[in-house]
Each structure stands twice: as structure tokens, then as C-alpha cells.
Amino acid sequence: LNHSIGQGYTLLPPIQVHNIMSAIANRGRLIKPRLINKIVNPSTHEIQEAKLVTLKKNIMSKKTLKIIQEALKQVVTDGTARHYGKMSEKYPIAGKTGTAQNIDKLPHAWFSGYAPADAKPEKRIAITVFIENIEGGGGLNAAPIATAIVKFYLEHLDMEQIREQMPGYTLTDEEPENPDESNSSVVKIPDQAFLTEA
């Protein structure tokens, strides 16, 4: 029981929690995490695409998946993140808050989820917010940050355009805007690179 409420010695890095949530958003399909979508050679313009690797087609039964997805929706509508549910009425979020105890220090605040909760998997994004050593827990600290990011992402960014580049890095040989900079190679990183597609 202590592991399920954040008091045990189970250690999960944010990327692992995020990948589990992505799989739930993706109807149980577990995909190998990747940081780069494609690499473009600045000289030859040759494109090397990162392969999408499915680690497991179903991490749980359809029945269990449906129960978990419904529970994740209720966290935002009626549970520990309910105060922020109104911020996301247009794009309902499903997720889980967490407050992980930290021996002799303040706890860590978590929120991991996906949105829109009622959309098809290919239209969803997953997000994980982790804040170390903070008073107040995941519902108070991490959930509003996740909600604000998701809301901005879905309202202001073109999903098809993002899908083509995210979370890709485009390398160019353009001269820097500031001539005092010694590095002539510019790495363009999209502002939304901290999010991953579900």
C-alpha cells in the first residue's frame, strides 16, 4: 500500500512516469521514448528519421485501461486537481497528481496526464510536470502548470505542423544574429520541445 501513495521506496524518473501516461493515452500502446524526431544534415539536406518503436502493443487489458482512463478524468473533474478543471473545459485533461514524500526535505509535486481526454490518441499530447521540494503537493503546484501548458499548446499551436517537427531539432549553418557570438552553427529548438506527443 505504501508504494501506491508515494511513501515507499519505488523510484521512477519523470520520463518513466511520462511514458506510462503516454501509453494510457495511446490506448495501451507503449512506445520507446525518443528525444529527436529527425536529423537534417545542413550540408546535404539529407533527412534521417527517428524510428517509432513499439515496446508493447497492450500494457493492460482493455477493461483495465478503460477504468484507469475514467479515473484519470475524475482526478481533474472531482479529485485532487478539481480546482484546475475549469481552466481546461475546452480541452478536458485526464491525469494524476502526486505528492512524493522526501526524507528530511519538502515533498516533490507531480502531475502527469494527457489531453484532450476525449480525443483520439493521435490528437492527444501527454505532459508530466515534476517540481522538487515544494510545499503544497501536486494538485496545488504541478496541476495548474500542466493545465496552462496544455491549454496554450492546444489553442495556439498547429498540431499538424508540430507533429512534423516535434520534438525535432533543425540544424543550420546560418550566421548568428549577434555577430559577437563565436559559434556559427545554430541549433533551432522549438519552444514546445518539452512536450511529447502521446
C-alpha atoms as a PDB file:
ATOM      1  CA  LEU A   1       0.000   0.000   0.000  1.00  0.00           C
ATOM      2  CA  ASN A   2       2.757   2.491   0.826  1.00  0.00           C
ATOM      3  CA  HIS A   3       4.055   2.375  -2.773  1.00  0.00           C
ATOM      4  CA  SER A   4       0.692   3.410  -4.204  1.00  0.00           C
ATOM      5  CA  ILE A   5       0.520   6.575  -2.099  1.00  0.00           C
ATOM      6  CA  GLY A   6       4.088   7.789  -2.641  1.00  0.00           C
ATOM      7  CA  GLN A   7       5.581   6.707   0.666  1.00  0.00           C
ATOM      8  CA  GLY A   8       7.517   3.648  -0.465  1.00  0.00           C
ATOM      9  CA  TYR A   9      10.959   3.230  -1.972  1.00  0.00           C
ATOM     10  CA  THR A  10       9.783   2.798  -5.552  1.00  0.00           C
ATOM     11  CA  LEU A  11      11.810   5.251  -7.625  1.00  0.00           C
ATOM     12  CA  LEU A  12      10.522   6.413 -11.008  1.00  0.00           C
ATOM     13  CA  PRO A  13      12.157   9.206 -13.017  1.00  0.00           C
ATOM     14  CA  PRO A  14       9.805  11.703 -14.716  1.00  0.00           C
ATOM     15  CA  ILE A  15      10.445  10.192 -18.177  1.00  0.00           C
ATOM     16  CA  GLN A  16       9.247   6.777 -16.977  1.00  0.00           C
ATOM     17  CA  VAL A  17       6.086   8.209 -15.402  1.00  0.00           C
ATOM     18  CA  HIS A  18       5.533  10.223 -18.576  1.00  0.00           C
ATOM     19  CA  ASN A  19       5.939   7.153 -20.786  1.00  0.00           C
ATOM     20  CA  ILE A  20       3.388   5.204 -18.732  1.00  0.00           C
ATOM     21  CA  MET A  21       0.907   8.087 -19.063  1.00  0.00           C
ATOM     22  CA  SER A  22       1.606   8.283 -22.804  1.00  0.00           C
ATOM     23  CA  ALA A  23       0.807   4.579 -23.112  1.00  0.00           C
ATOM     24  CA  ILE A  24      -2.508   5.072 -21.274  1.00  0.00           C
ATOM     25  CA  ALA A  25      -3.331   7.978 -23.619  1.00  0.00           C
ATOM     26  CA  ASN A  26      -2.327   5.778 -26.549  1.00  0.00           C
ATOM     27  CA  ARG A  27      -4.854   3.014 -25.758  1.00  0.00           C
ATOM     28  CA  GLY A  28      -2.241   0.870 -24.027  1.00  0.00           C
ATOM     29  CA  ARG A  29       0.475   1.090 -26.684  1.00  0.00           C
ATOM     30  CA  LEU A  30       3.898   1.564 -25.074  1.00  0.00           C
ATOM     31  CA  ILE A  31       6.318   3.436 -27.328  1.00  0.00           C
ATOM     32  CA  LYS A  32      10.057   3.770 -26.740  1.00  0.00           C
ATOM     33  CA  PRO A  33      10.769   7.376 -25.670  1.00  0.00           C
ATOM     34  CA  ARG A  34      12.798   9.477 -28.076  1.00  0.00           C
ATOM     35  CA  LEU A  35      14.261  12.946 -27.859  1.00  0.00           C
ATOM     36  CA  ILE A  36      14.769  13.530 -31.565  1.00  0.00           C
ATOM     37  CA  ASN A  37      12.171  13.157 -34.308  1.00  0.00           C
ATOM     38  CA  LYS A  38      14.525  13.716 -37.239  1.00  0.00           C
ATOM     39  CA  ILE A  39      18.029  14.946 -38.034  1.00  0.00           C
ATOM     40  CA  VAL A  40      18.639  17.174 -41.046  1.00  0.00           C
ATOM     41  CA  ASN A  41      22.172  17.332 -42.446  1.00  0.00           C
ATOM     42  CA  PRO A  42      22.836  21.064 -43.011  1.00  0.00           C
ATOM     43  CA  SER A  43      25.127  20.423 -45.988  1.00  0.00           C
ATOM     44  CA  THR A  44      23.278  17.712 -47.921  1.00  0.00           C
ATOM     45  CA  HIS A  45      19.765  18.312 -46.500  1.00  0.00           C
ATOM     46  CA  GLU A  46      19.569  14.556 -46.062  1.00  0.00           C
ATOM     47  CA  ILE A  47      16.903  13.651 -43.506  1.00  0.00           C
ATOM     48  CA  GLN A  48      17.350  10.833 -41.040  1.00  0.00           C
ATOM     49  CA  GLU A  49      14.020   9.984 -39.398  1.00  0.00           C
ATOM     50  CA  ALA A  50      13.916   8.525 -35.898  1.00  0.00           C
ATOM     51  CA  LYS A  51      12.053   5.233 -35.957  1.00  0.00           C
ATOM     52  CA  LEU A  52       8.906   4.832 -33.913  1.00  0.00           C
ATOM     53  CA  VAL A  53       9.475   1.712 -31.822  1.00  0.00           C
ATOM     54  CA  THR A  54       6.557  -0.012 -30.118  1.00  0.00           C
ATOM     55  CA  LEU A  55       7.777  -1.806 -26.997  1.00  0.00           C
ATOM     56  CA  LYS A  56       4.424  -3.412 -26.212  1.00  0.00           C
ATOM     57  CA  LYS A  57       1.086  -3.254 -28.025  1.00  0.00           C
ATOM     58  CA  ASN A  58      -1.046  -3.548 -24.887  1.00  0.00           C
ATOM     59  CA  ILE A  59       0.298  -2.873 -21.422  1.00  0.00           C
ATOM     60  CA  MET A  60      -3.017  -3.878 -19.868  1.00  0.00           C
ATOM     61  CA  SER A  61      -6.435  -5.274 -20.743  1.00  0.00           C
ATOM     62  CA  LYS A  62      -8.995  -3.017 -22.458  1.00  0.00           C
ATOM     63  CA  LYS A  63     -11.233  -3.274 -19.391  1.00  0.00           C
ATOM     64  CA  THR A  64      -8.471  -2.121 -17.026  1.00  0.00           C
ATOM     65  CA  LEU A  65      -7.433   0.632 -19.435  1.00  0.00           C
ATOM     66  CA  LYS A  66     -10.985   2.000 -19.581  1.00  0.00           C
ATOM     67  CA  ILE A  67     -11.230   2.050 -15.771  1.00  0.00           C
ATOM     68  CA  ILE A  68      -7.908   3.889 -15.452  1.00  0.00           C
ATOM     69  CA  GLN A  69      -8.778   6.421 -18.165  1.00  0.00           C
ATOM     70  CA  GLU A  70     -12.069   7.208 -16.451  1.00  0.00           C
ATOM     71  CA  ALA A  71     -10.357   7.560 -13.082  1.00  0.00           C
ATOM     72  CA  LEU A  72      -7.787   9.938 -14.608  1.00  0.00           C
ATOM     73  CA  LYS A  73     -10.604  12.124 -15.956  1.00  0.00           C
ATOM     74  CA  GLN A  74     -12.198  12.229 -12.500  1.00  0.00           C
ATOM     75  CA  VAL A  75      -8.957  13.439 -10.891  1.00  0.00           C
ATOM     76  CA  VAL A  76      -9.421  16.693 -12.837  1.00  0.00           C
ATOM     77  CA  THR A  77     -13.214  16.950 -12.552  1.00  0.00           C
ATOM     78  CA  ASP A  78     -13.786  15.720  -8.980  1.00  0.00           C
ATOM     79  CA  GLY A  79     -10.431  14.787  -7.447  1.00  0.00           C
ATOM     80  CA  THR A  80      -7.166  16.332  -6.337  1.00  0.00           C
ATOM     81  CA  ALA A  81      -6.864  18.558  -9.445  1.00  0.00           C
ATOM     82  CA  ARG A  82     -10.534  19.654  -9.496  1.00  0.00           C
ATOM     83  CA  HIS A  83      -9.727  23.299  -8.786  1.00  0.00           C
ATOM     84  CA  TYR A  84      -7.997  23.472 -12.162  1.00  0.00           C
ATOM     85  CA  GLY A  85     -10.574  21.511 -14.154  1.00  0.00           C
ATOM     86  CA  LYS A  86     -12.432  24.705 -15.066  1.00  0.00           C
ATOM     87  CA  MET A  87      -9.282  26.012 -16.735  1.00  0.00           C
ATOM     88  CA  SER A  88      -9.438  23.133 -19.197  1.00  0.00           C
ATOM     89  CA  GLU A  89     -13.153  22.850 -20.073  1.00  0.00           C
ATOM     90  CA  LYS A  90     -12.478  23.299 -23.812  1.00  0.00           C
ATOM     91  CA  TYR A  91      -9.752  20.656 -23.761  1.00  0.00           C
ATOM     92  CA  PRO A  92     -10.545  18.221 -20.936  1.00  0.00           C
ATOM     93  CA  ILE A  93      -7.464  16.817 -19.261  1.00  0.00           C
ATOM     94  CA  ALA A  94      -7.057  13.385 -17.724  1.00  0.00           C
ATOM     95  CA  GLY A  95      -4.240  12.930 -15.250  1.00  0.00           C
ATOM     96  CA  LYS A  96      -2.910  12.104 -11.826  1.00  0.00           C
ATOM     97  CA  THR A  97      -1.494  14.360  -9.162  1.00  0.00           C
ATOM     98  CA  GLY A  98       1.172  13.178  -6.810  1.00  0.00           C
ATOM     99  CA  THR A  99       2.954  14.307  -3.680  1.00  0.00           C
ATOM    100  CA  ALA A 100       6.021  12.144  -3.167  1.00  0.00           C
ATOM    101  CA  GLN A 101       7.469  12.264   0.323  1.00  0.00           C
ATOM    102  CA  ASN A 102      11.152  13.104   0.512  1.00  0.00           C
ATOM    103  CA  ILE A 103      13.032  12.139   3.669  1.00  0.00           C
ATOM    104  CA  ASP A 104      14.153  15.218   5.649  1.00  0.00           C
ATOM    105  CA  LYS A 105      13.075  17.617   2.883  1.00  0.00           C
ATOM    106  CA  LEU A 106       9.905  19.083   1.409  1.00  0.00           C
ATOM    107  CA  PRO A 107       7.916  16.697  -0.816  1.00  0.00           C
ATOM    108  CA  HIS A 108       8.013  16.593  -4.606  1.00  0.00           C
ATOM    109  CA  ALA A 109       4.900  17.684  -6.537  1.00  0.00           C
ATOM    110  CA  TRP A 110       3.763  15.758  -9.618  1.00  0.00           C
ATOM    111  CA  PHE A 111       1.160  15.935 -12.307  1.00  0.00           C
ATOM    112  CA  SER A 112       1.155  13.578 -15.257  1.00  0.00           C
ATOM    113  CA  GLY A 113      -1.654  13.496 -17.769  1.00  0.00           C
ATOM    114  CA  TYR A 114      -2.879  13.863 -21.324  1.00  0.00           C
ATOM    115  CA  ALA A 115      -5.314  15.982 -23.305  1.00  0.00           C
ATOM    116  CA  PRO A 116      -7.788  16.248 -24.830  1.00  0.00           C
ATOM    117  CA  ALA A 117      -9.102  13.366 -22.743  1.00  0.00           C
ATOM    118  CA  ASP A 118     -11.996  12.703 -25.122  1.00  0.00           C
ATOM    119  CA  ALA A 119      -9.949  12.855 -28.348  1.00  0.00           C
ATOM    120  CA  LYS A 120      -8.478  10.063 -30.454  1.00  0.00           C
ATOM    121  CA  PRO A 121      -4.939   9.054 -29.380  1.00  0.00           C
ATOM    122  CA  GLU A 122      -3.286  10.713 -32.406  1.00  0.00           C
ATOM    123  CA  LYS A 123      -4.831  14.052 -31.394  1.00  0.00           C
ATOM    124  CA  ARG A 124      -3.610  13.889 -27.781  1.00  0.00           C
ATOM    125  CA  ILE A 125      -0.483  15.121 -26.097  1.00  0.00           C
ATOM    126  CA  ALA A 126       0.940  13.846 -22.835  1.00  0.00           C
ATOM    127  CA  ILE A 127       2.565  16.042 -20.222  1.00  0.00           C
ATOM    128  CA  THR A 128       4.408  15.491 -16.964  1.00  0.00           C
ATOM    129  CA  VAL A 129       5.257  18.265 -14.508  1.00  0.00           C
ATOM    130  CA  PHE A 130       7.640  17.498 -11.640  1.00  0.00           C
ATOM    131  CA  ILE A 131       8.613  20.093  -9.025  1.00  0.00           C
ATOM    132  CA  GLU A 132      11.173  19.179  -6.391  1.00  0.00           C
ATOM    133  CA  ASN A 133      10.998  20.156  -2.720  1.00  0.00           C
ATOM    134  CA  ILE A 134       7.867  22.304  -2.603  1.00  0.00           C
ATOM    135  CA  GLU A 135       5.119  22.800  -0.061  1.00  0.00           C
ATOM    136  CA  GLY A 136       1.589  22.013  -1.182  1.00  0.00           C
ATOM    137  CA  GLY A 137       1.729  18.916  -3.370  1.00  0.00           C
ATOM    138  CA  GLY A 138       0.847  18.037  -6.946  1.00  0.00           C
ATOM    139  CA  GLY A 139      -2.731  19.303  -7.001  1.00  0.00           C
ATOM    140  CA  LEU A 140      -1.746  22.764  -5.843  1.00  0.00           C
ATOM    141  CA  ASN A 141       1.569  23.216  -7.658  1.00  0.00           C
ATOM    142  CA  ALA A 142       2.040  20.881 -10.626  1.00  0.00           C
ATOM    143  CA  ALA A 143      -1.548  20.588 -11.946  1.00  0.00           C
ATOM    144  CA  PRO A 144      -2.033  24.299 -12.738  1.00  0.00           C
ATOM    145  CA  ILE A 145       1.290  24.410 -14.597  1.00  0.00           C
ATOM    146  CA  ALA A 146       0.361  21.353 -16.666  1.00  0.00           C
ATOM    147  CA  THR A 147      -3.102  22.787 -17.391  1.00  0.00           C
ATOM    148  CA  ALA A 148      -1.683  26.127 -18.532  1.00  0.00           C
ATOM    149  CA  ILE A 149       0.859  24.451 -20.828  1.00  0.00           C
ATOM    150  CA  VAL A 150      -1.731  22.109 -22.342  1.00  0.00           C
ATOM    151  CA  LYS A 151      -4.214  24.951 -22.857  1.00  0.00           C
ATOM    152  CA  PHE A 152      -1.607  27.118 -24.599  1.00  0.00           C
ATOM    153  CA  TYR A 153      -0.351  24.204 -26.678  1.00  0.00           C
ATOM    154  CA  LEU A 154      -3.779  23.183 -27.946  1.00  0.00           C
ATOM    155  CA  GLU A 155      -5.097  26.720 -28.514  1.00  0.00           C
ATOM    156  CA  HIS A 156      -2.075  28.358 -30.126  1.00  0.00           C
ATOM    157  CA  LEU A 157      -0.101  25.725 -31.970  1.00  0.00           C
ATOM    158  CA  ASP A 158      -0.904  23.956 -35.228  1.00  0.00           C
ATOM    159  CA  MET A 159      -0.983  20.237 -34.382  1.00  0.00           C
ATOM    160  CA  GLU A 160      -0.015  19.097 -37.885  1.00  0.00           C
ATOM    161  CA  GLN A 161       2.934  21.467 -38.053  1.00  0.00           C
ATOM    162  CA  ILE A 162       4.088  20.385 -34.597  1.00  0.00           C
ATOM    163  CA  ARG A 163       3.723  16.723 -35.494  1.00  0.00           C
ATOM    164  CA  GLU A 164       6.149  17.274 -38.395  1.00  0.00           C
ATOM    165  CA  GLN A 165       8.847  18.858 -36.272  1.00  0.00           C
ATOM    166  CA  MET A 166       8.277  17.859 -32.645  1.00  0.00           C
ATOM    167  CA  PRO A 167      10.428  17.284 -30.802  1.00  0.00           C
ATOM    168  CA  GLY A 168      12.886  17.603 -33.694  1.00  0.00           C
ATOM    169  CA  TYR A 169      15.951  19.734 -33.894  1.00  0.00           C
ATOM    170  CA  THR A 170      16.770  21.546 -37.135  1.00  0.00           C
ATOM    171  CA  LEU A 171      20.461  22.191 -37.662  1.00  0.00           C
ATOM    172  CA  THR A 172      21.507  25.087 -39.912  1.00  0.00           C
ATOM    173  CA  ASP A 173      24.727  26.864 -40.903  1.00  0.00           C
ATOM    174  CA  GLU A 174      23.142  30.302 -40.675  1.00  0.00           C
ATOM    175  CA  GLU A 175      25.196  33.052 -39.137  1.00  0.00           C
ATOM    176  CA  PRO A 176      24.030  34.073 -35.638  1.00  0.00           C
ATOM    177  CA  GLU A 177      22.025  37.278 -35.301  1.00  0.00           C
ATOM    178  CA  ASN A 178      24.587  38.544 -32.817  1.00  0.00           C
ATOM    179  CA  PRO A 179      27.929  38.882 -34.681  1.00  0.00           C
ATOM    180  CA  ASP A 180      29.812  38.743 -31.356  1.00  0.00           C
ATOM    181  CA  GLU A 181      28.847  35.099 -30.916  1.00  0.00           C
ATOM    182  CA  SER A 182      31.710  32.815 -31.887  1.00  0.00           C
ATOM    183  CA  ASN A 183      29.573  29.759 -32.663  1.00  0.00           C
ATOM    184  CA  SER A 184      28.429  29.926 -36.297  1.00  0.00           C
ATOM    185  CA  SER A 185      26.267  26.824 -36.018  1.00  0.00           C
ATOM    186  CA  VAL A 186      22.736  27.490 -34.821  1.00  0.00           C
ATOM    187  CA  VAL A 187      20.529  24.814 -33.302  1.00  0.00           C
ATOM    188  CA  LYS A 188      16.856  25.696 -33.595  1.00  0.00           C
ATOM    189  CA  ILE A 189      14.841  24.108 -30.830  1.00  0.00           C
ATOM    190  CA  PRO A 190      11.060  24.530 -30.988  1.00  0.00           C
ATOM    191  CA  ASP A 191       9.519  26.208 -27.933  1.00  0.00           C
ATOM    192  CA  GLN A 192       7.272  23.195 -27.479  1.00  0.00           C
ATOM    193  CA  ALA A 193      10.129  20.660 -27.404  1.00  0.00           C
ATOM    194  CA  PHE A 194       9.468  19.953 -23.712  1.00  0.00           C
ATOM    195  CA  LEU A 195       6.175  18.278 -24.604  1.00  0.00           C
ATOM    196  CA  THR A 196       5.851  14.894 -26.234  1.00  0.00           C
ATOM    197  CA  GLU A 197       3.140  13.555 -28.429  1.00  0.00           C
ATOM    198  CA  ALA A 198       1.028  10.855 -26.829  1.00  0.00           C
END
